[in-house]
Amino acid sequence: MQSFSPFEVLAYFDPGSGSLLVQALVGGTAGLLVFAKYLWNSASNLSRGRKPSDKLPVGNKMVGAGSQESRD
């Protein structure tokens, strides 16, 4: 097969490097989505007048300012 490129390129993707590339793309996309959700929640909490420390989830309970567990 003849190439129309002025340079000879001797590169290819084997299954190992191909799967590494796919894994990096999927992981990076997932990380960006989680980070975007964090930013969206932070911005919406600020616009609603909530402080980040108002309520923190601990297990199945919500503890923090104003909850019963914080007074014990």
PDB file of N, CA and C in Angstrom:
ATOM      1  N   MET A   1       0.833  -1.169   0.000  1.00  0.00           N
ATOM      2  CA  MET A   1       0.000   0.000   0.000  1.00  0.00           C
ATOM      3  C   MET A   1       0.882   1.239   0.000  1.00  0.00           C
ATOM      4  N   GLN A   2       0.597   2.132  -0.881  1.00  0.00           N
ATOM      5  CA  GLN A   2       1.414   3.331  -1.032  1.00  0.00           C
ATOM      6  C   GLN A   2       0.814   4.485  -0.247  1.00  0.00           C
ATOM      7  N   SER A   3       1.675   5.214   0.411  1.00  0.00           N
ATOM      8  CA  SER A   3       1.260   6.360   1.205  1.00  0.00           C
ATOM      9  C   SER A   3       1.472   7.638   0.408  1.00  0.00           C
ATOM     10  N   PHE A   4       0.613   8.618   0.605  1.00  0.00           N
ATOM     11  CA  PHE A   4       0.755   9.894  -0.080  1.00  0.00           C
ATOM     12  C   PHE A   4       1.402  10.945   0.815  1.00  0.00           C
ATOM     13  N   SER A   5       1.982  10.520   1.903  1.00  0.00           N
ATOM     14  CA  SER A   5       2.646  11.423   2.846  1.00  0.00           C
ATOM     15  C   SER A   5       4.123  11.551   2.461  1.00  0.00           C
ATOM     16  N   PRO A   6       4.703  12.747   2.625  1.00  0.00           N
ATOM     17  CA  PRO A   6       6.120  12.887   2.310  1.00  0.00           C
ATOM     18  C   PRO A   6       7.027  12.198   3.331  1.00  0.00           C
ATOM     19  N   PHE A   7       6.470  11.824   4.502  1.00  0.00           N
ATOM     20  CA  PHE A   7       7.255  11.177   5.550  1.00  0.00           C
ATOM     21  C   PHE A   7       6.769   9.751   5.744  1.00  0.00           C
ATOM     22  N   GLU A   8       7.688   8.876   6.016  1.00  0.00           N
ATOM     23  CA  GLU A   8       7.326   7.497   6.306  1.00  0.00           C
ATOM     24  C   GLU A   8       7.063   7.374   7.806  1.00  0.00           C
ATOM     25  N   VAL A   9       5.882   6.924   8.150  1.00  0.00           N
ATOM     26  CA  VAL A   9       5.501   6.809   9.555  1.00  0.00           C
ATOM     27  C   VAL A   9       5.377   5.330   9.881  1.00  0.00           C
ATOM     28  N   LEU A  10       6.133   4.895  10.860  1.00  0.00           N
ATOM     29  CA  LEU A  10       6.099   3.502  11.284  1.00  0.00           C
ATOM     30  C   LEU A  10       5.456   3.421  12.670  1.00  0.00           C
ATOM     31  N   ALA A  11       4.192   3.755  12.756  1.00  0.00           N
ATOM     32  CA  ALA A  11       3.470   3.739  14.029  1.00  0.00           C
ATOM     33  C   ALA A  11       2.148   3.027  13.846  1.00  0.00           C
ATOM     34  N   TYR A  12       1.684   2.416  14.906  1.00  0.00           N
ATOM     35  CA  TYR A  12       0.399   1.726  14.892  1.00  0.00           C
ATOM     36  C   TYR A  12      -0.122   1.643  16.323  1.00  0.00           C
ATOM     37  N   PHE A  13      -1.392   1.355  16.464  1.00  0.00           N
ATOM     38  CA  PHE A  13      -1.995   1.136  17.772  1.00  0.00           C
ATOM     39  C   PHE A  13      -2.182  -0.357  17.966  1.00  0.00           C
ATOM     40  N   ASP A  14      -1.476  -0.912  18.918  1.00  0.00           N
ATOM     41  CA  ASP A  14      -1.721  -2.300  19.265  1.00  0.00           C
ATOM     42  C   ASP A  14      -2.850  -2.329  20.299  1.00  0.00           C
ATOM     43  N   PRO A  15      -3.381  -3.496  20.626  1.00  0.00           N
ATOM     44  CA  PRO A  15      -4.514  -3.550  21.565  1.00  0.00           C
ATOM     45  C   PRO A  15      -4.211  -2.934  22.933  1.00  0.00           C
ATOM     46  N   GLY A  16      -2.993  -3.053  23.406  1.00  0.00           N
ATOM     47  CA  GLY A  16      -2.646  -2.487  24.716  1.00  0.00           C
ATOM     48  C   GLY A  16      -2.688  -0.972  24.715  1.00  0.00           C
ATOM     49  N   SER A  17      -2.062  -0.353  23.732  1.00  0.00           N
ATOM     50  CA  SER A  17      -2.065   1.111  23.698  1.00  0.00           C
ATOM     51  C   SER A  17      -3.429   1.657  23.288  1.00  0.00           C
ATOM     52  N   GLY A  18      -4.167   0.918  22.483  1.00  0.00           N
ATOM     53  CA  GLY A  18      -5.517   1.339  22.115  1.00  0.00           C
ATOM     54  C   GLY A  18      -6.449   1.334  23.305  1.00  0.00           C
ATOM     55  N   SER A  19      -6.370   0.283  24.137  1.00  0.00           N
ATOM     56  CA  SER A  19      -7.230   0.224  25.317  1.00  0.00           C
ATOM     57  C   SER A  19      -6.809   1.266  26.346  1.00  0.00           C
ATOM     58  N   LEU A  20      -5.527   1.565  26.424  1.00  0.00           N
ATOM     59  CA  LEU A  20      -5.057   2.621  27.323  1.00  0.00           C
ATOM     60  C   LEU A  20      -5.614   3.978  26.892  1.00  0.00           C
ATOM     61  N   LEU A  21      -5.631   4.224  25.608  1.00  0.00           N
ATOM     62  CA  LEU A  21      -6.174   5.478  25.088  1.00  0.00           C
ATOM     63  C   LEU A  21      -7.673   5.585  25.364  1.00  0.00           C
ATOM     64  N   VAL A  22      -8.405   4.505  25.145  1.00  0.00           N
ATOM     65  CA  VAL A  22      -9.846   4.507  25.415  1.00  0.00           C
ATOM     66  C   VAL A  22     -10.102   4.697  26.903  1.00  0.00           C
ATOM     67  N   GLN A  23      -9.337   4.033  27.750  1.00  0.00           N
ATOM     68  CA  GLN A  23      -9.503   4.163  29.198  1.00  0.00           C
ATOM     69  C   GLN A  23      -9.221   5.594  29.654  1.00  0.00           C
ATOM     70  N   ALA A  24      -8.203   6.221  29.092  1.00  0.00           N
ATOM     71  CA  ALA A  24      -7.891   7.600  29.448  1.00  0.00           C
ATOM     72  C   ALA A  24      -9.009   8.547  29.026  1.00  0.00           C
ATOM     73  N   LEU A  25      -9.579   8.329  27.852  1.00  0.00           N
ATOM     74  CA  LEU A  25     -10.676   9.181  27.386  1.00  0.00           C
ATOM     75  C   LEU A  25     -11.925   9.002  28.243  1.00  0.00           C
ATOM     76  N   VAL A  26     -12.279   7.771  28.568  1.00  0.00           N
ATOM     77  CA  VAL A  26     -13.466   7.517  29.380  1.00  0.00           C
ATOM     78  C   VAL A  26     -13.266   8.044  30.801  1.00  0.00           C
ATOM     79  N   GLY A  27     -12.107   7.805  31.383  1.00  0.00           N
ATOM     80  CA  GLY A  27     -11.829   8.287  32.729  1.00  0.00           C
ATOM     81  C   GLY A  27     -11.774   9.802  32.803  1.00  0.00           C
ATOM     82  N   GLY A  28     -11.172  10.424  31.809  1.00  0.00           N
ATOM     83  CA  GLY A  28     -11.120  11.883  31.779  1.00  0.00           C
ATOM     84  C   GLY A  28     -12.490  12.504  31.625  1.00  0.00           C
ATOM     85  N   THR A  29     -13.324  11.893  30.790  1.00  0.00           N
ATOM     86  CA  THR A  29     -14.691  12.391  30.618  1.00  0.00           C
ATOM     87  C   THR A  29     -15.487  12.243  31.906  1.00  0.00           C
ATOM     88  N   ALA A  30     -15.362  11.111  32.568  1.00  0.00           N
ATOM     89  CA  ALA A  30     -16.066  10.900  33.834  1.00  0.00           C
ATOM     90  C   ALA A  30     -15.585  11.892  34.890  1.00  0.00           C
ATOM     91  N   GLY A  31     -14.288  12.132  34.940  1.00  0.00           N
ATOM     92  CA  GLY A  31     -13.755  13.102  35.892  1.00  0.00           C
ATOM     93  C   GLY A  31     -14.255  14.504  35.633  1.00  0.00           C
ATOM     94  N   LEU A  32     -14.333  14.882  34.369  1.00  0.00           N
ATOM     95  CA  LEU A  32     -14.849  16.209  34.032  1.00  0.00           C
ATOM     96  C   LEU A  32     -16.325  16.343  34.386  1.00  0.00           C
ATOM     97  N   LEU A  33     -17.095  15.290  34.193  1.00  0.00           N
ATOM     98  CA  LEU A  33     -18.512  15.335  34.543  1.00  0.00           C
ATOM     99  C   LEU A  33     -18.718  15.471  36.051  1.00  0.00           C
ATOM    100  N   VAL A  34     -17.929  14.749  36.835  1.00  0.00           N
ATOM    101  CA  VAL A  34     -18.030  14.853  38.295  1.00  0.00           C
ATOM    102  C   VAL A  34     -17.616  16.242  38.751  1.00  0.00           C
ATOM    103  N   PHE A  35     -16.562  16.779  38.178  1.00  0.00           N
ATOM    104  CA  PHE A  35     -16.105  18.122  38.536  1.00  0.00           C
ATOM    105  C   PHE A  35     -17.144  19.173  38.151  1.00  0.00           C
ATOM    106  N   ALA A  36     -17.774  19.016  36.990  1.00  0.00           N
ATOM    107  CA  ALA A  36     -18.819  19.952  36.567  1.00  0.00           C
ATOM    108  C   ALA A  36     -20.018  19.880  37.513  1.00  0.00           C
ATOM    109  N   LYS A  37     -20.383  18.684  37.971  1.00  0.00           N
ATOM    110  CA  LYS A  37     -21.481  18.545  38.916  1.00  0.00           C
ATOM    111  C   LYS A  37     -21.135  19.221  40.231  1.00  0.00           C
ATOM    112  N   TYR A  38     -19.909  19.071  40.686  1.00  0.00           N
ATOM    113  CA  TYR A  38     -19.460  19.729  41.918  1.00  0.00           C
ATOM    114  C   TYR A  38     -19.553  21.250  41.781  1.00  0.00           C
ATOM    115  N   LEU A  39     -19.086  21.780  40.660  1.00  0.00           N
ATOM    116  CA  LEU A  39     -19.160  23.225  40.448  1.00  0.00           C
ATOM    117  C   LEU A  39     -20.601  23.703  40.378  1.00  0.00           C
ATOM    118  N   TRP A  40     -21.465  22.945  39.690  1.00  0.00           N
ATOM    119  CA  TRP A  40     -22.873  23.316  39.572  1.00  0.00           C
ATOM    120  C   TRP A  40     -23.540  23.341  40.947  1.00  0.00           C
ATOM    121  N   ASN A  41     -23.283  22.305  41.764  1.00  0.00           N
ATOM    122  CA  ASN A  41     -23.867  22.266  43.106  1.00  0.00           C
ATOM    123  C   ASN A  41     -23.336  23.393  43.974  1.00  0.00           C
ATOM    124  N   SER A  42     -22.066  23.704  43.867  1.00  0.00           N
ATOM    125  CA  SER A  42     -21.494  24.807  44.646  1.00  0.00           C
ATOM    126  C   SER A  42     -22.117  26.137  44.242  1.00  0.00           C
ATOM    127  N   ALA A  43     -22.266  26.348  42.947  1.00  0.00           N
ATOM    128  CA  ALA A  43     -22.846  27.605  42.467  1.00  0.00           C
ATOM    129  C   ALA A  43     -24.319  27.706  42.861  1.00  0.00           C
ATOM    130  N   SER A  44     -25.054  26.603  42.765  1.00  0.00           N
ATOM    131  CA  SER A  44     -26.474  26.660  43.128  1.00  0.00           C
ATOM    132  C   SER A  44     -26.638  26.851  44.635  1.00  0.00           C
ATOM    133  N   ASN A  45     -25.775  26.266  45.454  1.00  0.00           N
ATOM    134  CA  ASN A  45     -25.846  26.486  46.897  1.00  0.00           C
ATOM    135  C   ASN A  45     -25.537  27.931  47.244  1.00  0.00           C
ATOM    136  N   LEU A  46     -24.575  28.536  46.571  1.00  0.00           N
ATOM    137  CA  LEU A  46     -24.261  29.934  46.829  1.00  0.00           C
ATOM    138  C   LEU A  46     -25.410  30.842  46.416  1.00  0.00           C
ATOM    139  N   SER A  47     -26.052  30.529  45.303  1.00  0.00           N
ATOM    140  CA  SER A  47     -27.153  31.372  44.838  1.00  0.00           C
ATOM    141  C   SER A  47     -28.386  31.231  45.724  1.00  0.00           C
ATOM    142  N   ARG A  48     -28.528  30.109  46.412  1.00  0.00           N
ATOM    143  CA  ARG A  48     -29.648  29.908  47.332  1.00  0.00           C
ATOM    144  C   ARG A  48     -29.347  30.410  48.730  1.00  0.00           C
ATOM    145  N   GLY A  49     -28.127  30.859  48.957  1.00  0.00           N
ATOM    146  CA  GLY A  49     -27.751  31.386  50.260  1.00  0.00           C
ATOM    147  C   GLY A  49     -27.340  30.344  51.266  1.00  0.00           C
ATOM    148  N   ARG A  50     -27.052  29.153  50.816  1.00  0.00           N
ATOM    149  CA  ARG A  50     -26.589  28.104  51.725  1.00  0.00           C
ATOM    150  C   ARG A  50     -25.091  28.168  51.867  1.00  0.00           C
ATOM    151  N   LYS A  51     -24.618  27.845  53.050  1.00  0.00           N
ATOM    152  CA  LYS A  51     -23.183  27.740  53.270  1.00  0.00           C
ATOM    153  C   LYS A  51     -22.748  26.298  53.016  1.00  0.00           C
ATOM    154  N   PRO A  52     -21.527  26.077  52.577  1.00  0.00           N
ATOM    155  CA  PRO A  52     -21.074  24.705  52.343  1.00  0.00           C
ATOM    156  C   PRO A  52     -21.097  23.848  53.597  1.00  0.00           C
ATOM    157  N   SER A  53     -21.000  24.457  54.791  1.00  0.00           N
ATOM    158  CA  SER A  53     -20.948  23.685  56.024  1.00  0.00           C
ATOM    159  C   SER A  53     -22.301  23.531  56.693  1.00  0.00           C
ATOM    160  N   ASP A  54     -23.414  23.906  56.029  1.00  0.00           N
ATOM    161  CA  ASP A  54     -24.726  23.791  56.651  1.00  0.00           C
ATOM    162  C   ASP A  54     -25.056  22.343  56.995  1.00  0.00           C
ATOM    163  N   LYS A  55     -24.981  21.457  56.038  1.00  0.00           N
ATOM    164  CA  LYS A  55     -25.269  20.049  56.299  1.00  0.00           C
ATOM    165  C   LYS A  55     -24.271  19.187  55.542  1.00  0.00           C
ATOM    166  N   LEU A  56     -23.712  18.239  56.253  1.00  0.00           N
ATOM    167  CA  LEU A  56     -22.758  17.320  55.647  1.00  0.00           C
ATOM    168  C   LEU A  56     -23.297  15.909  55.783  1.00  0.00           C
ATOM    169  N   PRO A  57     -23.357  15.134  54.691  1.00  0.00           N
ATOM    170  CA  PRO A  57     -23.849  13.770  54.811  1.00  0.00           C
ATOM    171  C   PRO A  57     -22.830  12.875  55.496  1.00  0.00           C
ATOM    172  N   VAL A  58     -23.295  12.129  56.513  1.00  0.00           N
ATOM    173  CA  VAL A  58     -22.449  11.152  57.194  1.00  0.00           C
ATOM    174  C   VAL A  58     -23.233   9.852  57.223  1.00  0.00           C
ATOM    175  N   GLY A  59     -22.828   8.899  56.420  1.00  0.00           N
ATOM    176  CA  GLY A  59     -23.563   7.646  56.329  1.00  0.00           C
ATOM    177  C   GLY A  59     -24.945   7.902  55.757  1.00  0.00           C
ATOM    178  N   ASN A  60     -25.981   7.450  56.466  1.00  0.00           N
ATOM    179  CA  ASN A  60     -27.354   7.676  56.030  1.00  0.00           C
ATOM    180  C   ASN A  60     -27.981   8.881  56.715  1.00  0.00           C
ATOM    181  N   LYS A  61     -27.243   9.543  57.611  1.00  0.00           N
ATOM    182  CA  LYS A  61     -27.781  10.670  58.368  1.00  0.00           C
ATOM    183  C   LYS A  61     -27.205  11.975  57.843  1.00  0.00           C
ATOM    184  N   MET A  62     -27.960  13.035  58.030  1.00  0.00           N
ATOM    185  CA  MET A  62     -27.468  14.367  57.717  1.00  0.00           C
ATOM    186  C   MET A  62     -27.110  15.026  59.044  1.00  0.00           C
ATOM    187  N   VAL A  63     -25.845  15.361  59.218  1.00  0.00           N
ATOM    188  CA  VAL A  63     -25.428  16.025  60.448  1.00  0.00           C
ATOM    189  C   VAL A  63     -24.818  17.363  60.093  1.00  0.00           C
ATOM    190  N   GLY A  64     -24.852  18.260  61.021  1.00  0.00           N
ATOM    191  CA  GLY A  64     -24.282  19.578  60.786  1.00  0.00           C
ATOM    192  C   GLY A  64     -25.041  20.611  61.580  1.00  0.00           C
ATOM    193  N   ALA A  65     -24.965  21.848  61.185  1.00  0.00           N
ATOM    194  CA  ALA A  65     -25.616  22.932  61.891  1.00  0.00           C
ATOM    195  C   ALA A  65     -27.118  22.735  61.891  1.00  0.00           C
ATOM    196  N   GLY A  66     -27.723  22.727  63.079  1.00  0.00           N
ATOM    197  CA  GLY A  66     -29.164  22.629  63.183  1.00  0.00           C
ATOM    198  C   GLY A  66     -29.713  21.229  63.304  1.00  0.00           C
ATOM    199  N   SER A  67     -28.898  20.210  63.239  1.00  0.00           N
ATOM    200  CA  SER A  67     -29.407  18.845  63.365  1.00  0.00           C
ATOM    201  C   SER A  67     -29.291  18.386  64.802  1.00  0.00           C
ATOM    202  N   GLN A  68     -30.041  17.344  65.152  1.00  0.00           N
ATOM    203  CA  GLN A  68     -30.046  16.827  66.515  1.00  0.00           C
ATOM    204  C   GLN A  68     -28.694  16.231  66.901  1.00  0.00           C
ATOM    205  N   GLU A  69     -28.028  15.554  65.976  1.00  0.00           N
ATOM    206  CA  GLU A  69     -26.768  14.886  66.294  1.00  0.00           C
ATOM    207  C   GLU A  69     -25.676  15.876  66.663  1.00  0.00           C
ATOM    208  N   SER A  70     -25.726  17.095  66.142  1.00  0.00           N
ATOM    209  CA  SER A  70     -24.666  18.053  66.434  1.00  0.00           C
ATOM    210  C   SER A  70     -24.823  18.645  67.835  1.00  0.00           C
ATOM    211  N   ARG A  71     -26.016  18.504  68.465  1.00  0.00           N
ATOM    212  CA  ARG A  71     -26.247  19.071  69.799  1.00  0.00           C
ATOM    213  C   ARG A  71     -25.901  18.095  70.893  1.00  0.00           C
ATOM    214  N   ASP A  72     -25.749  16.809  70.579  1.00  0.00           N
ATOM    215  CA  ASP A  72     -25.480  15.800  71.613  1.00  0.00           C
ATOM    216  C   ASP A  72     -24.079  15.873  72.121  1.00  0.00           C
TER     217      ASP A  72
END
